[in-house]
Amino acid sequence: MVEYFCLLGKLEMHNVPMPRRDNWLIFLKALMWLGLVQGIIWALLTLSFATHTLIFIGRSVTTTGTVVELHENHDDDVGVTYAPVFTFVLKNGSTQTITSNAGTNPPAFEVGDKISVRYEPGDPSDAAINSIWQTWAFSVGFGIASVVMTLFGLFFRWCVARRKARPRKLQKIQSLEQI
């Protein structure tokens, strides 16, 4: 690149080398920030789901229920999963039937299984099977995604640091005019 300087009314021309952009470094930084920002977003979602679950556990009561059916869910990505449909009796004697929002393949339950159920007395339709996976599935899933994305970002942070620390390639000078 040629830059022009004006010194005491004289126009002088100087060749000033333009620093080369390191496109690979820019790409690595983009991946780094993508991973770190995604990790933070997933961590916030994990905290949100965990808080919701803890509030649910604090407000809910437990009772015994029975699996009455396995509901088949067909998904193009996952295939077939089986969500348990269970019934339980409320303190006032009425029966509530709920389909779990967590399905598995192979089925985790069989029809007729006796299970522990958590439900909110003010809203019995808000019920879940009282097991680690059925209660904490979203928190665990988003927590794993948070860790993976944060590690992804930290890996590319390490790549950026290595790229910045590497020695510059030297060019062979043929004559003094190249200086």
C-alpha atoms as a PDB file:
ATOM      1  CA  MET A   1       0.000   0.000   0.000  1.00  0.00           C
ATOM      2  CA  VAL A   2       1.280   3.435  -0.832  1.00  0.00           C
ATOM      3  CA  GLU A   3       0.725   6.268   1.616  1.00  0.00           C
ATOM      4  CA  TYR A   4       1.316   9.924   0.875  1.00  0.00           C
ATOM      5  CA  PHE A   5       2.833  12.319   3.367  1.00  0.00           C
ATOM      6  CA  CYS A   6       3.002  16.084   3.061  1.00  0.00           C
ATOM      7  CA  LEU A   7       6.090  17.542   4.731  1.00  0.00           C
ATOM      8  CA  LEU A   8       6.781  21.262   4.361  1.00  0.00           C
ATOM      9  CA  GLY A   9       4.732  21.513   1.191  1.00  0.00           C
ATOM     10  CA  LYS A  10       6.501  18.579  -0.489  1.00  0.00           C
ATOM     11  CA  LEU A  11       4.521  15.510  -1.345  1.00  0.00           C
ATOM     12  CA  GLU A  12       6.494  12.384  -0.585  1.00  0.00           C
ATOM     13  CA  MET A  13       5.574   8.794  -1.338  1.00  0.00           C
ATOM     14  CA  HIS A  14       6.458   5.913   1.005  1.00  0.00           C
ATOM     15  CA  ASN A  15       5.812   2.220   0.647  1.00  0.00           C
ATOM     16  CA  VAL A  16       4.283   1.045   3.899  1.00  0.00           C
ATOM     17  CA  PRO A  17       3.689  -2.711   4.207  1.00  0.00           C
ATOM     18  CA  MET A  18       0.093  -3.588   4.979  1.00  0.00           C
ATOM     19  CA  PRO A  19      -0.286  -6.156   7.755  1.00  0.00           C
ATOM     20  CA  ARG A  20      -1.849  -9.323   6.349  1.00  0.00           C
ATOM     21  CA  ARG A  21      -5.199 -10.369   7.797  1.00  0.00           C
ATOM     22  CA  ASP A  22      -5.138 -13.814   9.318  1.00  0.00           C
ATOM     23  CA  ASN A  23      -8.472 -15.190   8.113  1.00  0.00           C
ATOM     24  CA  TRP A  24      -7.900 -18.462   9.942  1.00  0.00           C
ATOM     25  CA  LEU A  25      -7.501 -16.563  13.226  1.00  0.00           C
ATOM     26  CA  ILE A  26     -10.744 -14.676  12.584  1.00  0.00           C
ATOM     27  CA  PHE A  27     -12.528 -17.997  11.937  1.00  0.00           C
ATOM     28  CA  LEU A  28     -11.112 -19.530  15.145  1.00  0.00           C
ATOM     29  CA  LYS A  29     -12.214 -16.490  17.161  1.00  0.00           C
ATOM     30  CA  ALA A  30     -15.731 -16.759  15.714  1.00  0.00           C
ATOM     31  CA  LEU A  31     -15.917 -20.424  16.737  1.00  0.00           C
ATOM     32  CA  MET A  32     -14.545 -19.559  20.172  1.00  0.00           C
ATOM     33  CA  TRP A  33     -17.199 -16.904  20.799  1.00  0.00           C
ATOM     34  CA  LEU A  34     -19.929 -19.119  19.360  1.00  0.00           C
ATOM     35  CA  GLY A  35     -19.043 -21.877  21.819  1.00  0.00           C
ATOM     36  CA  LEU A  36     -18.669 -19.611  24.835  1.00  0.00           C
ATOM     37  CA  VAL A  37     -21.890 -17.678  24.221  1.00  0.00           C
ATOM     38  CA  GLN A  38     -23.804 -20.907  23.551  1.00  0.00           C
ATOM     39  CA  GLY A  39     -22.352 -22.383  26.753  1.00  0.00           C
ATOM     40  CA  ILE A  40     -23.615 -19.397  28.743  1.00  0.00           C
ATOM     41  CA  ILE A  41     -27.072 -19.577  27.140  1.00  0.00           C
ATOM     42  CA  TRP A  42     -27.363 -23.317  27.828  1.00  0.00           C
ATOM     43  CA  ALA A  43     -26.165 -22.766  31.423  1.00  0.00           C
ATOM     44  CA  LEU A  44     -28.876 -20.150  31.977  1.00  0.00           C
ATOM     45  CA  LEU A  45     -31.489 -22.551  30.586  1.00  0.00           C
ATOM     46  CA  THR A  46     -30.138 -25.273  32.899  1.00  0.00           C
ATOM     47  CA  LEU A  47     -30.511 -22.968  35.899  1.00  0.00           C
ATOM     48  CA  SER A  48     -34.030 -22.076  34.802  1.00  0.00           C
ATOM     49  CA  PHE A  49     -35.129 -25.700  34.491  1.00  0.00           C
ATOM     50  CA  ALA A  50     -33.385 -26.668  37.739  1.00  0.00           C
ATOM     51  CA  THR A  51     -35.098 -23.812  39.591  1.00  0.00           C
ATOM     52  CA  HIS A  52     -38.479 -24.828  38.164  1.00  0.00           C
ATOM     53  CA  THR A  53     -37.873 -28.438  39.224  1.00  0.00           C
ATOM     54  CA  LEU A  54     -36.809 -27.453  42.741  1.00  0.00           C
ATOM     55  CA  ILE A  55     -39.918 -25.286  43.145  1.00  0.00           C
ATOM     56  CA  PHE A  56     -42.067 -28.183  41.880  1.00  0.00           C
ATOM     57  CA  ILE A  57     -40.448 -30.591  44.361  1.00  0.00           C
ATOM     58  CA  GLY A  58     -40.966 -28.096  47.211  1.00  0.00           C
ATOM     59  CA  ARG A  59     -44.673 -27.604  46.443  1.00  0.00           C
ATOM     60  CA  SER A  60     -45.578 -31.163  45.482  1.00  0.00           C
ATOM     61  CA  VAL A  61     -46.730 -34.148  47.491  1.00  0.00           C
ATOM     62  CA  THR A  62     -46.023 -37.797  46.737  1.00  0.00           C
ATOM     63  CA  THR A  63     -48.401 -40.666  46.268  1.00  0.00           C
ATOM     64  CA  THR A  64     -48.417 -44.055  44.601  1.00  0.00           C
ATOM     65  CA  GLY A  65     -49.600 -44.440  41.043  1.00  0.00           C
ATOM     66  CA  THR A  66     -49.955 -47.171  38.423  1.00  0.00           C
ATOM     67  CA  VAL A  67     -48.765 -47.253  34.822  1.00  0.00           C
ATOM     68  CA  VAL A  68     -51.896 -47.987  32.761  1.00  0.00           C
ATOM     69  CA  GLU A  69     -50.563 -47.571  29.220  1.00  0.00           C
ATOM     70  CA  LEU A  70     -47.432 -46.892  27.165  1.00  0.00           C
ATOM     71  CA  HIS A  71     -48.057 -44.083  24.688  1.00  0.00           C
ATOM     72  CA  GLU A  72     -46.078 -44.461  21.430  1.00  0.00           C
ATOM     73  CA  ASN A  73     -44.483 -41.292  20.069  1.00  0.00           C
ATOM     74  CA  HIS A  74     -43.167 -41.430  16.493  1.00  0.00           C
ATOM     75  CA  ASP A  75     -40.349 -39.040  15.614  1.00  0.00           C
ATOM     76  CA  ASP A  76     -38.337 -38.968  12.388  1.00  0.00           C
ATOM     77  CA  ASP A  77     -35.107 -38.139  14.241  1.00  0.00           C
ATOM     78  CA  VAL A  78     -35.361 -40.419  17.272  1.00  0.00           C
ATOM     79  CA  GLY A  79     -37.706 -43.151  16.095  1.00  0.00           C
ATOM     80  CA  VAL A  80     -40.330 -44.587  18.426  1.00  0.00           C
ATOM     81  CA  THR A  81     -40.334 -43.723  22.132  1.00  0.00           C
ATOM     82  CA  TYR A  82     -42.736 -44.910  24.817  1.00  0.00           C
ATOM     83  CA  ALA A  83     -44.103 -42.446  27.375  1.00  0.00           C
ATOM     84  CA  PRO A  84     -45.830 -43.950  30.402  1.00  0.00           C
ATOM     85  CA  VAL A  85     -49.468 -43.020  31.035  1.00  0.00           C
ATOM     86  CA  PHE A  86     -50.152 -43.287  34.761  1.00  0.00           C
ATOM     87  CA  THR A  87     -53.025 -42.797  37.163  1.00  0.00           C
ATOM     88  CA  PHE A  88     -52.971 -41.813  40.802  1.00  0.00           C
ATOM     89  CA  VAL A  89     -55.515 -40.990  43.474  1.00  0.00           C
ATOM     90  CA  LEU A  90     -55.642 -37.494  44.970  1.00  0.00           C
ATOM     91  CA  LYS A  91     -56.126 -36.782  48.684  1.00  0.00           C
ATOM     92  CA  ASN A  92     -59.799 -35.982  47.998  1.00  0.00           C
ATOM     93  CA  GLY A  93     -60.300 -39.445  46.408  1.00  0.00           C
ATOM     94  CA  SER A  94     -60.558 -38.447  42.733  1.00  0.00           C
ATOM     95  CA  THR A  95     -58.389 -40.149  40.105  1.00  0.00           C
ATOM     96  CA  GLN A  96     -56.019 -38.267  37.809  1.00  0.00           C
ATOM     97  CA  THR A  97     -54.513 -39.669  34.582  1.00  0.00           C
ATOM     98  CA  ILE A  98     -51.307 -38.133  33.201  1.00  0.00           C
ATOM     99  CA  THR A  99     -49.087 -38.880  30.202  1.00  0.00           C
ATOM    100  CA  SER A 100     -45.417 -38.394  31.065  1.00  0.00           C
ATOM    101  CA  ASN A 101     -43.457 -35.932  28.942  1.00  0.00           C
ATOM    102  CA  ALA A 102     -40.356 -38.168  29.020  1.00  0.00           C
ATOM    103  CA  GLY A 103     -40.401 -41.168  26.708  1.00  0.00           C
ATOM    104  CA  THR A 104     -37.738 -43.823  26.245  1.00  0.00           C
ATOM    105  CA  ASN A 105     -36.900 -46.706  23.957  1.00  0.00           C
ATOM    106  CA  PRO A 106     -36.915 -49.380  25.242  1.00  0.00           C
ATOM    107  CA  PRO A 107     -39.756 -48.508  27.631  1.00  0.00           C
ATOM    108  CA  ALA A 108     -38.607 -47.711  31.167  1.00  0.00           C
ATOM    109  CA  PHE A 109     -41.913 -48.931  32.625  1.00  0.00           C
ATOM    110  CA  GLU A 110     -44.372 -51.725  31.987  1.00  0.00           C
ATOM    111  CA  VAL A 111     -48.150 -51.574  32.219  1.00  0.00           C
ATOM    112  CA  GLY A 112     -49.163 -52.387  35.797  1.00  0.00           C
ATOM    113  CA  ASP A 113     -45.960 -51.056  37.416  1.00  0.00           C
ATOM    114  CA  LYS A 114     -46.483 -49.292  40.750  1.00  0.00           C
ATOM    115  CA  ILE A 115     -44.664 -45.957  40.757  1.00  0.00           C
ATOM    116  CA  SER A 116     -44.073 -42.998  43.034  1.00  0.00           C
ATOM    117  CA  VAL A 117     -45.767 -39.836  41.704  1.00  0.00           C
ATOM    118  CA  ARG A 118     -45.251 -36.177  42.603  1.00  0.00           C
ATOM    119  CA  TYR A 119     -48.071 -33.688  42.004  1.00  0.00           C
ATOM    120  CA  GLU A 120     -48.988 -30.187  43.084  1.00  0.00           C
ATOM    121  CA  PRO A 121     -52.116 -30.240  45.299  1.00  0.00           C
ATOM    122  CA  GLY A 122     -53.383 -26.978  43.763  1.00  0.00           C
ATOM    123  CA  ASP A 123     -52.903 -28.290  40.192  1.00  0.00           C
ATOM    124  CA  PRO A 124     -52.942 -32.114  40.055  1.00  0.00           C
ATOM    125  CA  SER A 125     -52.449 -32.025  36.280  1.00  0.00           C
ATOM    126  CA  ASP A 126     -48.900 -30.862  37.042  1.00  0.00           C
ATOM    127  CA  ALA A 127     -47.571 -34.285  37.959  1.00  0.00           C
ATOM    128  CA  ALA A 128     -44.457 -36.333  37.234  1.00  0.00           C
ATOM    129  CA  ILE A 129     -43.121 -39.750  38.037  1.00  0.00           C
ATOM    130  CA  ASN A 130     -40.858 -39.380  41.050  1.00  0.00           C
ATOM    131  CA  SER A 131     -37.600 -40.636  39.542  1.00  0.00           C
ATOM    132  CA  ILE A 132     -34.339 -38.899  38.769  1.00  0.00           C
ATOM    133  CA  TRP A 133     -34.725 -39.109  34.979  1.00  0.00           C
ATOM    134  CA  GLN A 134     -38.434 -38.229  34.851  1.00  0.00           C
ATOM    135  CA  THR A 135     -38.001 -35.269  37.220  1.00  0.00           C
ATOM    136  CA  TRP A 136     -34.607 -33.872  36.188  1.00  0.00           C
ATOM    137  CA  ALA A 137     -34.436 -34.755  32.449  1.00  0.00           C
ATOM    138  CA  PHE A 138     -34.463 -31.179  31.092  1.00  0.00           C
ATOM    139  CA  SER A 139     -31.979 -29.897  33.670  1.00  0.00           C
ATOM    140  CA  VAL A 140     -29.568 -32.742  32.998  1.00  0.00           C
ATOM    141  CA  GLY A 141     -29.920 -32.464  29.216  1.00  0.00           C
ATOM    142  CA  PHE A 142     -29.355 -28.719  29.108  1.00  0.00           C
ATOM    143  CA  GLY A 143     -26.531 -29.030  31.654  1.00  0.00           C
ATOM    144  CA  ILE A 144     -24.717 -31.515  29.425  1.00  0.00           C
ATOM    145  CA  ALA A 145     -25.224 -29.223  26.414  1.00  0.00           C
ATOM    146  CA  SER A 146     -23.834 -26.301  28.440  1.00  0.00           C
ATOM    147  CA  VAL A 147     -20.683 -28.198  29.368  1.00  0.00           C
ATOM    148  CA  VAL A 148     -20.144 -29.428  25.797  1.00  0.00           C
ATOM    149  CA  MET A 149     -20.546 -25.961  24.263  1.00  0.00           C
ATOM    150  CA  THR A 150     -18.324 -24.340  26.891  1.00  0.00           C
ATOM    151  CA  LEU A 151     -15.603 -26.944  26.241  1.00  0.00           C
ATOM    152  CA  PHE A 152     -16.045 -26.281  22.502  1.00  0.00           C
ATOM    153  CA  GLY A 153     -15.465 -22.557  23.100  1.00  0.00           C
ATOM    154  CA  LEU A 154     -12.490 -23.157  25.408  1.00  0.00           C
ATOM    155  CA  PHE A 155     -10.900 -25.498  22.870  1.00  0.00           C
ATOM    156  CA  PHE A 156     -11.083 -22.801  20.209  1.00  0.00           C
ATOM    157  CA  ARG A 157      -9.805 -20.243  22.739  1.00  0.00           C
ATOM    158  CA  TRP A 158      -6.764 -22.486  23.132  1.00  0.00           C
ATOM    159  CA  CYS A 159      -6.440 -22.685  19.315  1.00  0.00           C
ATOM    160  CA  VAL A 160      -6.542 -18.872  19.083  1.00  0.00           C
ATOM    161  CA  ALA A 161      -3.835 -18.532  21.764  1.00  0.00           C
ATOM    162  CA  ARG A 162      -1.616 -21.049  19.954  1.00  0.00           C
ATOM    163  CA  ARG A 163      -2.145 -19.299  16.631  1.00  0.00           C
ATOM    164  CA  LYS A 164      -1.222 -15.917  18.110  1.00  0.00           C
ATOM    165  CA  ALA A 165       1.882 -17.320  19.838  1.00  0.00           C
ATOM    166  CA  ARG A 166       3.360 -19.031  16.784  1.00  0.00           C
ATOM    167  CA  PRO A 167       6.420 -17.447  15.209  1.00  0.00           C
ATOM    168  CA  ARG A 168       5.859 -15.396  12.079  1.00  0.00           C
ATOM    169  CA  LYS A 169       7.103 -16.804   8.794  1.00  0.00           C
ATOM    170  CA  LEU A 170      10.178 -14.933   7.588  1.00  0.00           C
ATOM    171  CA  GLN A 171      10.644 -14.042   3.937  1.00  0.00           C
ATOM    172  CA  LYS A 172      13.983 -14.377   2.212  1.00  0.00           C
ATOM    173  CA  ILE A 173      15.287 -10.993   1.037  1.00  0.00           C
ATOM    174  CA  GLN A 174      16.872 -11.051  -2.428  1.00  0.00           C
ATOM    175  CA  SER A 175      18.154  -7.476  -2.460  1.00  0.00           C
ATOM    176  CA  LEU A 176      18.234  -4.332  -0.384  1.00  0.00           C
ATOM    177  CA  GLU A 177      15.473  -2.766  -2.489  1.00  0.00           C
ATOM    178  CA  GLN A 178      12.977  -5.150  -0.871  1.00  0.00           C
ATOM    179  CA  ILE A 179      13.570  -3.577   2.527  1.00  0.00           C
END
